[in-house]
Amino acid sequence: MVLQSCRALAIFTTVLVVGCGDGVGILLGEVSLLGPPPAGDTGAPAGMSPIADAEASTDESNSDANTSVADTAPEASPIAVDAGTDLGQFGAPVLITELVASGFMAFKETLTADMLEIYFISDRPGGPGNQDVWHAKRARASDPWGTPNCVLEVSSPLHEAGPAVSPDGLTLWISSDRAGGKGGYDIWVSTRPNSVTPTWSTPRPVPELNTASDEFPRPPIQSGLTMPPSYREKLPNNQFQTCITSRSSVNAPWAPPTRLTEVDTSNIDTDGFLTDDQLGLYFSSDRVTLGDQDLYVAGRSGPQSAFITFVPIAELNTTHQERDPWVSRDGREIYFSSDRGGTLQIYHATR
């Protein structure tokens, strides 16, 4: 019997329904081979273990905040539903054709909260490197997307992967193997003063989140204070795994990330997308078939509790890769990437 994904979080008293996704090409995000968590007491919260190489920072000048934003987080207004509310299954996913460049990949999509802007990775011509950050926008959430353009300010001659835009569209994190980081793919951040201004600032590394291995940012929750990035630790299988990090304000540095060990398997478990109440986690995993990532949703009873339910989103999964989930705040729309058509492309489904 296959449980319905829409009921996975309904075991708790109150559930927020929102939504989950890192890169292919020269580096296909998490498609590479990470092992079981290290034994022993780490001192981290239940179900978590710290990432050893990431360093704590107390210097707010190194934070990734947009300095034009006040040092207070906006109050989140999550859309919650009572336990037992059933949104039903997602309908058949639809390829977003206006984002397709024939023969080239489009994946790692990340949207602003109003769903009027989308950022993604593509290896299509028109950018300075082999994998660049691309952007499209639209006037209304029901409209088709406009013609994509390369975000030249954050792209480089090397490789970018895993963009993550803040809900307000003013901060953009990327993963890049450009010089200036700690090694491998590091997390960089760029900001802009408002959503009307198209130009992003020169990206800066986020030292407190970076290690000598590979890291990918993920979209933060509405407050901008919690993020579930992906890390490839130097463990036996060298797989990407989902972590969690937070900060006290949008101008403060991030805390050292910790692994969500209850989410980890010996295979890939990544692309985390955390709901605003932090009770739901959408992610991708190849825990069933190695190399075949599927979409899952996990649930827990409180923000500091371990995730205890793990349900595949069966109506969206195929024998091909499904990954990079991003879910609207009302839980009724999901964007994800899949190579079911031969190359990774971005799909959309509703319920």
Protein backbone atom coordinates (compact mmCIF):
# COMPACT_ATOMS: atom_id res chain seq x y z
CA MET A 1 0.00 0.00 0.00
CA VAL A 2 1.34 3.46 -0.91
CA LEU A 3 0.45 6.28 1.45
CA GLN A 4 -0.80 9.50 -0.12
CA SER A 5 1.81 12.23 0.13
CA CYS A 6 -0.79 14.87 0.96
CA ARG A 7 -1.58 13.04 4.20
CA ALA A 8 2.01 12.64 5.34
CA LEU A 9 1.92 15.68 7.61
CA ALA A 10 -1.65 15.28 8.83
CA ILE A 11 -0.63 13.28 11.89
CA PHE A 12 0.11 16.47 13.82
CA THR A 13 -2.21 18.87 15.55
CA THR A 14 -1.57 21.72 13.15
CA VAL A 15 0.23 21.43 9.85
CA LEU A 16 1.57 24.09 7.53
CA VAL A 17 1.33 23.19 3.88
CA VAL A 18 4.07 24.71 1.82
CA GLY A 19 6.78 23.17 0.14
CA CYS A 20 11.26 21.37 -1.42
CA GLY A 21 15.94 20.85 -4.31
CA ASP A 22 21.15 21.22 -6.21
CA GLY A 23 22.92 20.79 -9.99
CA VAL A 24 23.90 18.54 -13.35
CA GLY A 25 26.28 19.11 -16.18
CA ILE A 26 29.80 19.19 -15.00
CA LEU A 27 28.38 18.48 -11.56
CA LEU A 28 24.85 17.04 -11.55
CA GLY A 29 24.09 18.35 -8.11
CA GLU A 30 23.72 15.33 -5.89
CA VAL A 31 24.24 12.65 -8.51
CA SER A 32 27.50 11.38 -7.13
CA LEU A 33 28.08 8.65 -4.59
CA LEU A 34 27.55 9.72 1.58
CA GLY A 35 27.52 7.32 4.12
CA PRO A 36 25.90 6.73 7.47
CA PRO A 37 26.25 9.36 10.18
CA PRO A 38 29.26 9.08 12.47
CA ALA A 39 28.67 7.31 15.74
CA GLY A 40 28.81 9.04 19.06
CA ASP A 41 27.20 11.95 20.86
CA THR A 42 27.81 15.19 18.97
CA GLY A 43 25.97 17.51 21.30
CA ALA A 44 23.64 18.58 18.47
CA PRO A 45 19.83 18.46 18.83
CA ALA A 46 18.14 15.08 18.52
CA GLY A 47 18.52 13.66 15.05
CA MET A 48 21.26 16.10 14.07
CA SER A 49 25.04 16.04 13.82
CA PRO A 50 27.29 19.04 13.09
CA ILE A 51 29.13 19.61 9.82
CA ALA A 52 32.74 19.59 10.94
CA ASP A 53 34.33 21.98 8.43
CA ALA A 54 31.79 24.80 8.60
CA GLU A 55 32.89 27.49 11.00
CA ALA A 56 30.85 29.66 13.31
CA SER A 57 31.10 33.40 12.72
CA THR A 58 30.29 36.28 15.02
CA ASP A 59 31.17 39.00 12.51
CA GLU A 60 27.95 40.26 10.99
CA SER A 61 29.92 42.01 8.25
CA ASN A 62 30.42 38.53 6.78
CA SER A 63 26.74 37.68 6.85
CA ASP A 64 24.72 37.31 3.67
CA ALA A 65 22.03 39.78 4.63
CA ASN A 66 20.90 42.58 2.36
CA THR A 67 22.15 45.58 4.29
CA SER A 68 19.13 47.64 3.26
CA VAL A 69 16.94 45.31 5.33
CA ALA A 70 16.32 46.16 8.95
CA ASP A 71 17.84 43.79 11.52
CA THR A 72 14.53 42.17 12.26
CA ALA A 73 12.92 39.27 10.50
CA PRO A 74 9.54 39.79 8.88
CA GLU A 75 6.78 38.01 10.72
CA ALA A 76 5.90 34.82 8.94
CA SER A 77 2.25 34.19 8.17
CA PRO A 78 2.20 30.52 7.26
CA ILE A 79 -0.91 29.02 5.79
CA ALA A 80 -1.79 26.16 8.12
CA VAL A 81 -4.51 23.57 7.95
CA ASP A 82 -6.08 21.52 10.69
CA ALA A 83 -5.01 17.93 11.13
CA GLY A 84 -6.92 15.70 8.76
CA THR A 85 -7.27 18.30 6.02
CA ASP A 86 -6.63 16.53 2.75
CA LEU A 87 -5.50 18.61 -0.21
CA GLY A 88 -5.60 15.54 -2.41
CA GLN A 89 -2.98 14.30 -4.79
CA PHE A 90 -1.12 16.51 -7.20
CA GLY A 91 -2.43 16.40 -10.72
CA ALA A 92 -0.40 15.33 -13.72
CA PRO A 93 2.78 17.45 -13.96
CA VAL A 94 3.17 19.75 -16.95
CA LEU A 95 6.45 20.65 -18.63
CA ILE A 96 7.06 24.43 -18.47
CA THR A 97 7.81 24.80 -22.15
CA GLU A 98 8.66 28.50 -22.05
CA LEU A 99 11.73 27.66 -19.93
CA VAL A 100 12.98 24.94 -22.29
CA ALA A 101 15.98 25.38 -24.57
CA SER A 102 16.00 22.29 -26.77
CA GLY A 103 18.88 19.97 -26.06
CA PHE A 104 19.93 21.81 -22.87
CA MET A 105 19.11 21.30 -19.22
CA ALA A 106 16.98 23.49 -16.91
CA PHE A 107 16.82 22.49 -13.24
CA LYS A 108 17.33 23.64 -9.62
CA GLU A 109 14.42 26.06 -9.89
CA THR A 110 13.71 28.46 -7.02
CA LEU A 111 10.85 30.98 -6.90
CA THR A 112 9.95 34.12 -4.99
CA ALA A 113 6.99 33.75 -2.63
CA ASP A 114 4.64 35.58 -5.02
CA MET A 115 5.67 33.14 -7.79
CA LEU A 116 6.41 36.01 -10.19
CA GLU A 117 10.14 35.28 -10.53
CA ILE A 118 11.96 32.00 -11.11
CA TYR A 119 15.70 31.31 -11.02
CA PHE A 120 17.24 28.10 -12.30
CA ILE A 121 20.43 26.50 -13.61
CA SER A 122 20.99 25.82 -17.30
CA ASP A 123 23.83 24.84 -19.59
CA ARG A 124 22.25 26.61 -22.59
CA PRO A 125 24.26 29.12 -24.65
CA GLY A 126 24.21 32.75 -23.57
CA GLY A 127 26.06 32.62 -20.28
CA PRO A 128 29.75 32.90 -19.40
CA GLY A 129 30.19 29.34 -18.12
CA ASN A 130 29.13 25.73 -18.56
CA GLN A 131 26.33 26.03 -15.98
CA ASP A 132 24.87 29.46 -15.27
CA VAL A 133 22.03 31.04 -13.33
CA TRP A 134 19.01 32.00 -15.45
CA HIS A 135 15.93 34.03 -14.57
CA ALA A 136 12.41 34.54 -15.89
CA LYS A 137 9.48 36.57 -14.63
CA ARG A 138 5.78 37.13 -15.25
CA ALA A 139 3.13 39.71 -14.32
CA ARG A 140 0.74 37.27 -12.63
CA ALA A 141 1.19 33.85 -11.09
CA SER A 142 -1.27 32.42 -13.61
CA ASP A 143 0.65 33.79 -16.62
CA PRO A 144 3.23 31.91 -18.70
CA TRP A 145 6.85 32.75 -17.94
CA GLY A 146 8.65 35.35 -20.00
CA THR A 147 11.81 34.68 -21.98
CA PRO A 148 14.64 33.52 -19.68
CA ASN A 149 17.77 35.67 -19.34
CA CYS A 150 21.14 34.79 -17.87
CA VAL A 151 21.86 36.48 -14.52
CA LEU A 152 25.31 37.65 -15.55
CA GLU A 153 26.13 39.34 -12.23
CA VAL A 154 26.16 36.00 -10.37
CA SER A 155 27.31 33.67 -13.16
CA SER A 156 30.98 32.94 -13.86
CA PRO A 157 33.17 31.21 -16.46
CA LEU A 158 33.19 28.16 -14.17
CA HIS A 159 30.09 26.39 -12.84
CA GLU A 160 27.12 27.60 -10.83
CA ALA A 161 24.59 25.25 -9.24
CA GLY A 162 21.71 25.26 -6.80
CA PRO A 163 20.43 28.86 -6.69
CA ALA A 164 18.13 29.73 -3.80
CA VAL A 165 16.21 33.01 -3.75
CA SER A 166 14.70 34.50 -0.60
CA PRO A 167 10.88 34.75 -0.47
CA ASP A 168 11.04 38.54 -0.95
CA GLY A 169 13.39 38.19 -3.94
CA LEU A 170 16.11 40.42 -2.45
CA THR A 171 18.74 37.80 -1.61
CA LEU A 172 20.10 35.13 -3.92
CA TRP A 173 22.36 32.33 -2.78
CA ILE A 174 24.23 30.21 -5.30
CA SER A 175 26.71 27.34 -5.27
CA SER A 176 29.85 27.85 -7.36
CA ASP A 177 33.29 26.37 -7.84
CA ARG A 178 34.81 29.78 -8.62
CA ALA A 179 38.01 30.90 -6.89
CA GLY A 180 37.73 32.51 -3.46
CA GLY A 181 35.91 29.79 -1.54
CA LYS A 182 37.16 26.96 0.65
CA GLY A 183 37.24 24.36 -2.10
CA GLY A 184 34.78 22.45 -4.24
CA TYR A 185 31.37 24.04 -4.67
CA ASP A 186 30.84 26.78 -2.05
CA ILE A 187 27.85 28.91 -1.12
CA TRP A 188 27.93 32.52 -2.30
CA VAL A 189 25.37 35.29 -1.75
CA SER A 190 24.22 38.32 -3.73
CA THR A 191 21.65 40.99 -2.87
CA ARG A 192 19.64 43.77 -4.52
CA PRO A 193 17.83 46.73 -2.92
CA ASN A 194 14.41 45.98 -4.37
CA SER A 195 12.67 43.63 -6.79
CA VAL A 196 12.41 46.35 -9.46
CA THR A 197 16.21 46.64 -9.68
CA PRO A 198 17.40 43.87 -12.01
CA THR A 199 21.10 44.11 -11.07
CA TRP A 200 22.46 41.87 -8.33
CA SER A 201 25.54 42.69 -6.26
CA THR A 202 28.84 40.88 -6.80
CA PRO A 203 28.50 37.52 -4.98
CA ARG A 204 30.38 37.06 -1.72
CA PRO A 205 31.24 33.72 -0.10
CA VAL A 206 29.33 32.72 3.04
CA PRO A 207 32.28 31.42 5.10
CA GLU A 208 30.25 30.08 8.00
CA LEU A 209 28.42 27.69 5.66
CA ASN A 210 31.34 26.61 3.49
CA THR A 211 33.69 23.62 3.81
CA ALA A 212 36.47 22.06 1.76
CA SER A 213 33.86 19.78 0.16
CA ASP A 214 30.67 20.72 -1.76
CA GLU A 215 27.71 22.73 -0.45
CA PHE A 216 24.44 23.80 -2.04
CA PRO A 217 22.08 26.44 -0.59
CA ARG A 218 18.34 25.88 -0.40
CA PRO A 219 15.49 28.41 -0.19
CA PRO A 220 15.01 29.69 3.37
CA ILE A 221 11.63 29.73 5.08
CA GLN A 222 9.54 32.91 4.96
CA SER A 223 11.32 34.58 7.88
CA GLY A 224 14.70 34.11 6.20
CA LEU A 225 16.10 32.67 9.42
CA THR A 226 16.24 28.93 8.66
CA MET A 227 17.61 27.07 5.63
CA PRO A 228 18.06 23.34 4.80
CA PRO A 229 21.26 23.33 2.67
CA SER A 230 22.81 20.21 1.15
CA TYR A 231 26.32 19.02 1.98
CA ARG A 232 28.57 16.35 0.57
CA GLU A 233 30.60 15.21 3.55
CA LYS A 234 33.80 13.22 3.38
CA LEU A 235 32.06 10.03 4.43
CA PRO A 236 32.38 6.56 2.86
CA ASN A 237 29.84 7.02 0.04
CA ASN A 238 30.44 10.75 -0.56
CA GLN A 239 26.74 11.43 -1.08
CA PHE A 240 24.85 14.70 -0.65
CA GLN A 241 22.76 14.92 2.52
CA THR A 242 20.27 17.41 3.97
CA CYS A 243 21.33 19.72 6.79
CA ILE A 244 19.74 22.56 8.72
CA THR A 245 21.07 25.97 9.73
CA SER A 246 19.54 29.08 11.28
CA ARG A 247 20.42 32.61 12.32
CA SER A 248 19.08 35.07 14.89
CA SER A 249 18.26 37.82 12.40
CA VAL A 250 18.58 38.51 8.68
CA ASN A 251 21.77 40.48 9.38
CA ALA A 252 23.36 37.81 11.57
CA PRO A 253 25.69 35.03 10.41
CA TRP A 254 24.36 31.49 10.00
CA ALA A 255 24.98 28.93 12.72
CA PRO A 256 27.12 25.90 11.81
CA PRO A 257 24.87 23.52 9.87
CA THR A 258 23.87 20.18 11.36
CA ARG A 259 22.91 17.02 9.50
CA LEU A 260 19.35 15.75 9.71
CA THR A 261 20.55 12.25 10.48
CA GLU A 262 17.05 10.78 10.58
CA VAL A 263 16.57 11.85 6.97
CA ASP A 264 19.90 10.39 5.84
CA THR A 265 20.35 7.01 4.22
CA SER A 266 23.48 5.60 2.62
CA ASN A 267 22.21 7.05 -0.67
CA ILE A 268 21.34 10.60 -1.78
CA ASP A 269 18.94 12.58 0.47
CA THR A 270 18.97 16.21 -0.59
CA ASP A 271 17.11 19.17 -2.15
CA GLY A 272 15.41 20.03 1.14
CA PHE A 273 12.51 22.48 1.11
CA LEU A 274 11.28 23.30 4.62
CA THR A 275 7.76 24.52 5.38
CA ASP A 276 7.43 27.78 7.29
CA ASP A 277 6.41 26.06 10.54
CA GLN A 278 9.38 23.69 10.05
CA LEU A 279 7.16 20.63 10.47
CA GLY A 280 7.33 19.51 6.86
CA LEU A 281 10.34 18.78 4.66
CA TYR A 282 10.12 18.08 0.93
CA PHE A 283 13.26 16.47 -0.48
CA SER A 284 14.61 14.10 -3.11
CA SER A 285 16.24 10.73 -2.51
CA ASP A 286 17.41 7.64 -4.34
CA ARG A 287 16.93 5.49 -1.22
CA VAL A 288 14.86 2.96 -3.16
CA THR A 289 16.82 2.74 -6.43
CA LEU A 290 20.38 4.01 -6.55
CA GLY A 291 20.70 6.82 -9.08
CA ASP A 292 16.92 7.29 -9.43
CA GLN A 293 15.95 10.25 -7.27
CA ASP A 294 12.29 10.52 -6.24
CA LEU A 295 10.36 13.20 -4.37
CA TYR A 296 9.44 12.66 -0.70
CA VAL A 297 7.77 14.59 2.08
CA ALA A 298 8.73 14.14 5.74
CA GLY A 299 6.85 15.24 8.84
CA ARG A 300 7.58 15.88 12.50
CA SER A 301 5.72 17.13 15.58
CA GLY A 302 7.85 20.17 16.39
CA PRO A 303 10.71 22.31 15.00
CA GLN A 304 13.24 20.65 17.34
CA SER A 305 11.89 17.13 16.92
CA ALA A 306 13.17 14.47 14.58
CA PHE A 307 11.31 13.80 11.34
CA ILE A 308 9.42 10.53 11.74
CA THR A 309 7.29 10.09 8.60
CA PHE A 310 8.72 9.71 5.11
CA VAL A 311 6.26 9.37 2.25
CA PRO A 312 7.07 9.30 -1.48
CA ILE A 313 5.03 11.67 -3.62
CA ALA A 314 3.99 8.75 -5.77
CA GLU A 315 1.85 10.67 -8.24
CA LEU A 316 4.88 12.73 -9.36
CA ASN A 317 7.57 10.06 -9.31
CA THR A 318 8.64 7.98 -12.31
CA THR A 319 11.47 5.60 -13.11
CA HIS A 320 13.48 8.69 -14.06
CA GLN A 321 14.87 11.41 -11.80
CA GLU A 322 12.51 13.73 -9.92
CA ARG A 323 14.24 16.34 -7.77
CA ASP A 324 14.56 20.02 -6.78
CA PRO A 325 11.06 20.49 -5.30
CA TRP A 326 9.73 23.97 -4.57
CA VAL A 327 6.21 24.20 -3.10
CA SER A 328 3.90 27.20 -2.80
CA ARG A 329 2.97 28.41 0.66
CA ASP A 330 -0.59 27.10 0.38
CA GLY A 331 0.74 23.68 -0.58
CA ARG A 332 -1.25 23.53 -3.79
CA GLU A 333 1.52 24.07 -6.35
CA ILE A 334 4.82 22.29 -6.79
CA TYR A 335 7.71 22.91 -9.16
CA PHE A 336 10.36 20.25 -9.66
CA SER A 337 12.84 19.03 -12.24
CA SER A 338 12.82 15.67 -14.01
CA ASP A 339 14.67 13.98 -16.85
CA ARG A 340 11.63 11.92 -17.87
CA GLY A 341 11.84 13.57 -21.30
CA GLY A 342 15.53 12.84 -21.79
CA THR A 343 17.14 15.93 -20.21
CA LEU A 344 16.44 17.65 -16.91
CA GLN A 345 13.60 20.15 -17.32
CA ILE A 346 11.27 22.02 -14.98
CA TYR A 347 7.72 20.75 -14.35
CA HIS A 348 4.71 22.17 -12.51
CA ALA A 349 1.79 20.40 -10.84
CA THR A 350 -1.20 21.59 -8.82
CA ARG A 351 -3.78 20.15 -6.42
